[in-house]
């Protein structure tokens, strides 16, 4: 089972949006020493995905969870600022599933 292209694209967009606010929760040896989410979104996602894929028994569950969370995120985005708190919560959950947390600093991209 693989992520759908739409989900993959949406995750890449979220990584770009939050660039330097992401802090890895996964083993630090999985990411390069010069880790920068902003510098290479695809490599960062790939490293996170590789760390997750080491737990094969959980992969289908993780994929289903990400597909569901991204779908929810897209629906909340369409609602505008009315659900901004819920949107932020879904984003935190997505990044936690991928092994990251969002720090409280601004990203000026």
N, C-alpha and C. Protein backbone atom coordinates (compact mmCIF):
# COMPACT_ATOMS: atom_id res chain seq x y z
N UNK A 1 0.85 -1.18 0.00
CA UNK A 1 0.00 0.00 0.00
C UNK A 1 0.89 1.24 0.00
N UNK A 2 0.52 2.23 -0.82
CA UNK A 2 1.29 3.46 -0.94
C UNK A 2 0.37 4.66 -0.74
N UNK A 3 0.98 5.80 -0.40
CA UNK A 3 0.21 7.04 -0.32
C UNK A 3 -0.27 7.43 -1.71
N UNK A 4 -1.44 8.01 -1.79
CA UNK A 4 -1.93 8.50 -3.07
C UNK A 4 -1.09 9.70 -3.49
N UNK A 5 -1.02 9.98 -4.80
CA UNK A 5 -0.27 11.15 -5.27
C UNK A 5 -0.77 12.45 -4.65
N UNK A 6 -2.07 12.57 -4.46
CA UNK A 6 -2.64 13.80 -3.88
C UNK A 6 -2.17 13.96 -2.44
N UNK A 7 -2.18 12.87 -1.68
CA UNK A 7 -1.72 12.94 -0.29
C UNK A 7 -0.23 13.27 -0.23
N UNK A 8 0.56 12.65 -1.09
CA UNK A 8 2.00 12.94 -1.13
C UNK A 8 2.24 14.41 -1.44
N UNK A 9 1.53 14.93 -2.42
CA UNK A 9 1.68 16.34 -2.79
C UNK A 9 1.30 17.24 -1.61
N UNK A 10 0.19 16.92 -0.96
CA UNK A 10 -0.29 17.75 0.15
C UNK A 10 0.72 17.73 1.31
N UNK A 11 1.31 16.57 1.57
CA UNK A 11 2.32 16.48 2.63
C UNK A 11 3.55 17.32 2.28
N UNK A 12 3.97 17.29 1.02
CA UNK A 12 5.10 18.11 0.59
C UNK A 12 4.79 19.59 0.77
N UNK A 13 3.55 19.98 0.44
CA UNK A 13 3.14 21.37 0.60
C UNK A 13 3.15 21.78 2.08
N UNK A 14 2.69 20.90 2.95
CA UNK A 14 2.71 21.19 4.38
C UNK A 14 4.14 21.31 4.90
N UNK A 15 5.03 20.44 4.43
CA UNK A 15 6.43 20.54 4.83
C UNK A 15 7.02 21.89 4.41
N UNK A 16 6.73 22.30 3.18
CA UNK A 16 7.24 23.60 2.71
C UNK A 16 6.67 24.74 3.54
N UNK A 17 5.40 24.65 3.85
CA UNK A 17 4.72 25.71 4.60
C UNK A 17 5.31 25.87 5.99
N UNK A 18 5.69 24.78 6.61
CA UNK A 18 6.17 24.83 7.99
C UNK A 18 7.69 24.73 8.11
N UNK A 19 8.37 24.61 7.00
CA UNK A 19 9.82 24.51 6.85
C UNK A 19 10.63 24.48 8.14
N UNK A 20 11.11 25.61 8.60
CA UNK A 20 12.04 25.61 9.73
C UNK A 20 11.36 25.48 11.10
N UNK A 21 10.06 25.28 11.11
CA UNK A 21 9.36 25.07 12.38
C UNK A 21 9.33 23.60 12.77
N UNK A 22 9.79 22.72 11.89
CA UNK A 22 9.73 21.29 12.16
C UNK A 22 10.94 20.81 12.93
N UNK A 23 10.68 20.03 13.95
CA UNK A 23 11.75 19.41 14.74
C UNK A 23 11.52 17.91 14.71
N UNK A 24 12.54 17.14 14.33
CA UNK A 24 12.35 15.69 14.24
C UNK A 24 12.16 15.04 15.60
N UNK A 25 11.22 14.13 15.67
CA UNK A 25 11.00 13.31 16.86
C UNK A 25 11.60 11.93 16.66
N UNK A 26 11.89 11.60 15.39
CA UNK A 26 12.46 10.30 15.08
C UNK A 26 13.94 10.29 15.43
N UNK A 27 14.55 9.12 15.42
CA UNK A 27 15.97 9.01 15.74
C UNK A 27 16.78 9.99 14.91
N UNK A 28 17.60 10.77 15.57
CA UNK A 28 18.35 11.80 14.87
C UNK A 28 19.32 11.23 13.84
N UNK A 29 19.75 9.97 14.00
CA UNK A 29 20.67 9.40 13.02
C UNK A 29 20.00 9.10 11.69
N UNK A 30 18.66 9.15 11.64
CA UNK A 30 17.94 8.92 10.39
C UNK A 30 18.08 10.11 9.46
N UNK A 31 18.17 11.30 10.04
CA UNK A 31 18.29 12.52 9.25
C UNK A 31 19.75 12.94 9.15
N UNK A 32 20.12 13.60 8.05
CA UNK A 32 21.51 14.04 7.91
C UNK A 32 21.89 15.06 8.98
N UNK A 33 23.21 15.18 9.25
CA UNK A 33 23.69 16.14 10.26
C UNK A 33 23.30 17.56 9.92
N UNK A 34 23.29 17.89 8.64
CA UNK A 34 22.94 19.24 8.21
C UNK A 34 21.45 19.33 7.89
N UNK A 35 20.63 18.62 8.67
CA UNK A 35 19.19 18.55 8.46
C UNK A 35 18.57 19.93 8.34
N UNK A 36 17.78 20.11 7.32
CA UNK A 36 17.00 21.32 7.14
C UNK A 36 15.78 20.97 6.30
N UNK A 37 14.62 20.99 6.92
CA UNK A 37 13.39 20.68 6.19
C UNK A 37 13.18 21.66 5.06
N UNK A 38 13.59 22.89 5.28
CA UNK A 38 13.42 23.93 4.28
C UNK A 38 14.28 23.65 3.05
N UNK A 39 15.47 23.11 3.25
CA UNK A 39 16.41 22.91 2.16
C UNK A 39 15.95 21.83 1.19
N UNK A 40 15.37 20.76 1.70
CA UNK A 40 15.03 19.66 0.82
C UNK A 40 13.81 18.91 1.34
N UNK A 41 12.66 19.35 0.94
CA UNK A 41 11.40 18.78 1.42
C UNK A 41 11.30 17.30 1.06
N UNK A 42 11.63 16.95 -0.18
CA UNK A 42 11.50 15.56 -0.60
C UNK A 42 12.42 14.65 0.20
N UNK A 43 13.66 15.07 0.44
CA UNK A 43 14.61 14.26 1.21
C UNK A 43 14.14 14.11 2.66
N UNK A 44 13.58 15.17 3.21
CA UNK A 44 13.08 15.12 4.58
C UNK A 44 11.91 14.14 4.69
N UNK A 45 10.97 14.23 3.75
CA UNK A 45 9.85 13.30 3.74
C UNK A 45 10.33 11.87 3.53
N UNK A 46 11.30 11.70 2.64
CA UNK A 46 11.84 10.36 2.38
C UNK A 46 12.49 9.78 3.63
N UNK A 47 13.26 10.60 4.36
CA UNK A 47 13.91 10.13 5.59
C UNK A 47 12.86 9.74 6.63
N UNK A 48 11.83 10.55 6.76
CA UNK A 48 10.75 10.24 7.70
C UNK A 48 10.04 8.95 7.29
N UNK A 49 9.79 8.82 5.99
CA UNK A 49 9.11 7.64 5.48
C UNK A 49 9.94 6.39 5.69
N UNK A 50 11.26 6.49 5.47
CA UNK A 50 12.15 5.34 5.67
C UNK A 50 12.14 4.91 7.14
N UNK A 51 12.14 5.88 8.04
CA UNK A 51 12.09 5.55 9.47
C UNK A 51 10.79 4.83 9.81
N UNK A 52 9.69 5.32 9.23
CA UNK A 52 8.39 4.67 9.48
C UNK A 52 8.33 3.29 8.85
N UNK A 53 8.91 3.13 7.67
CA UNK A 53 8.80 1.86 6.95
C UNK A 53 9.58 0.73 7.62
N UNK A 54 10.43 1.07 8.57
CA UNK A 54 11.14 0.03 9.31
C UNK A 54 10.18 -0.73 10.21
N UNK A 55 9.03 -0.15 10.46
CA UNK A 55 7.99 -0.81 11.26
C UNK A 55 6.90 -1.31 10.30
N UNK A 56 7.24 -2.31 9.48
CA UNK A 56 6.36 -2.82 8.43
C UNK A 56 4.95 -3.14 8.93
N UNK A 57 4.85 -3.69 10.11
CA UNK A 57 3.54 -4.10 10.61
C UNK A 57 2.58 -2.93 10.79
N UNK A 58 3.12 -1.73 10.92
CA UNK A 58 2.28 -0.55 11.14
C UNK A 58 2.05 0.26 9.87
N UNK A 59 2.71 -0.08 8.77
CA UNK A 59 2.68 0.77 7.58
C UNK A 59 1.27 1.00 7.03
N UNK A 60 0.47 -0.05 6.87
CA UNK A 60 -0.87 0.14 6.33
C UNK A 60 -1.70 1.05 7.22
N UNK A 61 -1.55 0.88 8.51
CA UNK A 61 -2.27 1.73 9.46
C UNK A 61 -1.82 3.19 9.34
N UNK A 62 -0.52 3.40 9.21
CA UNK A 62 0.03 4.76 9.08
C UNK A 62 -0.46 5.40 7.79
N UNK A 63 -0.43 4.65 6.70
CA UNK A 63 -0.88 5.18 5.41
C UNK A 63 -2.35 5.56 5.48
N UNK A 64 -3.18 4.69 6.04
CA UNK A 64 -4.60 5.00 6.17
C UNK A 64 -4.83 6.23 7.03
N UNK A 65 -4.07 6.34 8.11
CA UNK A 65 -4.20 7.48 9.00
C UNK A 65 -3.82 8.77 8.28
N UNK A 66 -2.70 8.75 7.53
CA UNK A 66 -2.26 9.94 6.80
C UNK A 66 -3.26 10.32 5.71
N UNK A 67 -3.78 9.33 4.99
CA UNK A 67 -4.79 9.62 3.96
C UNK A 67 -6.00 10.31 4.59
N UNK A 68 -6.45 9.80 5.72
CA UNK A 68 -7.60 10.37 6.41
C UNK A 68 -7.31 11.77 6.93
N UNK A 69 -6.14 11.95 7.56
CA UNK A 69 -5.78 13.26 8.11
C UNK A 69 -5.63 14.30 7.01
N UNK A 70 -5.02 13.92 5.89
CA UNK A 70 -4.85 14.87 4.79
C UNK A 70 -6.20 15.25 4.20
N UNK A 71 -7.09 14.28 4.07
CA UNK A 71 -8.44 14.56 3.58
C UNK A 71 -9.15 15.54 4.52
N UNK A 72 -9.03 15.31 5.82
CA UNK A 72 -9.62 16.21 6.81
C UNK A 72 -8.99 17.60 6.72
N UNK A 73 -7.68 17.65 6.55
CA UNK A 73 -6.96 18.91 6.45
C UNK A 73 -7.44 19.71 5.23
N UNK A 74 -7.61 19.04 4.11
CA UNK A 74 -8.08 19.70 2.90
C UNK A 74 -9.49 20.27 3.10
N UNK A 75 -10.35 19.51 3.76
CA UNK A 75 -11.72 19.99 4.02
C UNK A 75 -11.71 21.20 4.94
N UNK A 76 -10.88 21.16 5.98
CA UNK A 76 -10.81 22.29 6.91
C UNK A 76 -10.21 23.53 6.25
N UNK A 77 -9.24 23.34 5.37
CA UNK A 77 -8.64 24.47 4.65
C UNK A 77 -9.68 25.22 3.83
N UNK A 78 -10.60 24.49 3.25
CA UNK A 78 -11.64 25.10 2.41
C UNK A 78 -12.60 25.95 3.23
N UNK A 79 -12.66 25.73 4.53
CA UNK A 79 -13.58 26.46 5.39
C UNK A 79 -13.04 27.82 5.81
N UNK A 80 -11.80 28.12 5.47
CA UNK A 80 -11.21 29.40 5.84
C UNK A 80 -10.81 29.43 7.30
N UNK A 81 -10.85 30.61 7.88
CA UNK A 81 -10.35 30.79 9.25
C UNK A 81 -11.31 30.28 10.33
N UNK A 82 -12.50 29.89 9.94
CA UNK A 82 -13.49 29.44 10.92
C UNK A 82 -12.97 28.26 11.75
N UNK A 83 -12.19 27.39 11.14
CA UNK A 83 -11.69 26.20 11.82
C UNK A 83 -10.17 26.19 11.94
N UNK A 84 -9.58 27.35 12.11
CA UNK A 84 -8.11 27.44 12.14
C UNK A 84 -7.51 26.65 13.30
N UNK A 85 -8.18 26.59 14.42
CA UNK A 85 -7.68 25.82 15.56
C UNK A 85 -7.69 24.32 15.24
N UNK A 86 -8.77 23.87 14.62
CA UNK A 86 -8.86 22.46 14.22
C UNK A 86 -7.83 22.13 13.15
N UNK A 87 -7.62 23.06 12.23
CA UNK A 87 -6.63 22.88 11.17
C UNK A 87 -5.23 22.72 11.76
N UNK A 88 -4.89 23.56 12.72
CA UNK A 88 -3.59 23.48 13.38
C UNK A 88 -3.44 22.15 14.12
N UNK A 89 -4.51 21.69 14.73
CA UNK A 89 -4.48 20.42 15.44
C UNK A 89 -4.23 19.25 14.48
N UNK A 90 -4.89 19.27 13.33
CA UNK A 90 -4.69 18.22 12.33
C UNK A 90 -3.26 18.27 11.81
N UNK A 91 -2.73 19.47 11.59
CA UNK A 91 -1.34 19.60 11.13
C UNK A 91 -0.37 19.01 12.15
N UNK A 92 -0.58 19.31 13.43
CA UNK A 92 0.27 18.74 14.47
C UNK A 92 0.21 17.21 14.45
N UNK A 93 -0.99 16.68 14.28
CA UNK A 93 -1.16 15.23 14.25
C UNK A 93 -0.46 14.62 13.04
N UNK A 94 -0.59 15.25 11.88
CA UNK A 94 0.08 14.76 10.67
C UNK A 94 1.58 14.69 10.90
N UNK A 95 2.14 15.78 11.41
CA UNK A 95 3.59 15.81 11.62
C UNK A 95 4.02 14.83 12.70
N UNK A 96 3.21 14.64 13.73
CA UNK A 96 3.54 13.64 14.76
C UNK A 96 3.58 12.24 14.17
N UNK A 97 2.62 11.93 13.30
CA UNK A 97 2.60 10.62 12.65
C UNK A 97 3.88 10.42 11.83
N UNK A 98 4.35 11.50 11.21
CA UNK A 98 5.57 11.43 10.39
C UNK A 98 6.85 11.54 11.21
N UNK A 99 6.71 11.79 12.51
CA UNK A 99 7.89 11.85 13.38
C UNK A 99 8.44 13.24 13.58
N UNK A 100 7.59 14.25 13.50
CA UNK A 100 8.02 15.64 13.69
C UNK A 100 7.07 16.35 14.64
N UNK A 101 7.55 17.45 15.20
CA UNK A 101 6.67 18.35 15.94
C UNK A 101 6.88 19.75 15.36
N UNK A 102 5.87 20.60 15.53
CA UNK A 102 5.95 21.97 15.03
C UNK A 102 6.36 22.87 16.19
N UNK A 103 7.47 23.58 16.01
CA UNK A 103 7.95 24.53 17.02
C UNK A 103 7.19 25.85 16.86
N UNK A 104 7.24 26.68 17.87
CA UNK A 104 6.52 27.95 17.85
C UNK A 104 7.37 29.10 17.34
N UNK A 105 7.95 28.95 16.15
CA UNK A 105 8.68 30.05 15.53
C UNK A 105 8.11 30.27 14.14
N UNK A 106 8.24 31.47 13.61
CA UNK A 106 7.69 31.78 12.30
C UNK A 106 8.59 31.30 11.19
N UNK A 107 7.98 30.99 10.08
CA UNK A 107 8.71 30.57 8.88
C UNK A 107 8.41 31.58 7.79
N UNK A 108 9.40 32.27 7.34
CA UNK A 108 9.21 33.28 6.30
C UNK A 108 9.69 32.74 4.97
N UNK A 109 8.80 32.09 4.24
CA UNK A 109 9.18 31.54 2.94
C UNK A 109 8.58 32.39 1.87
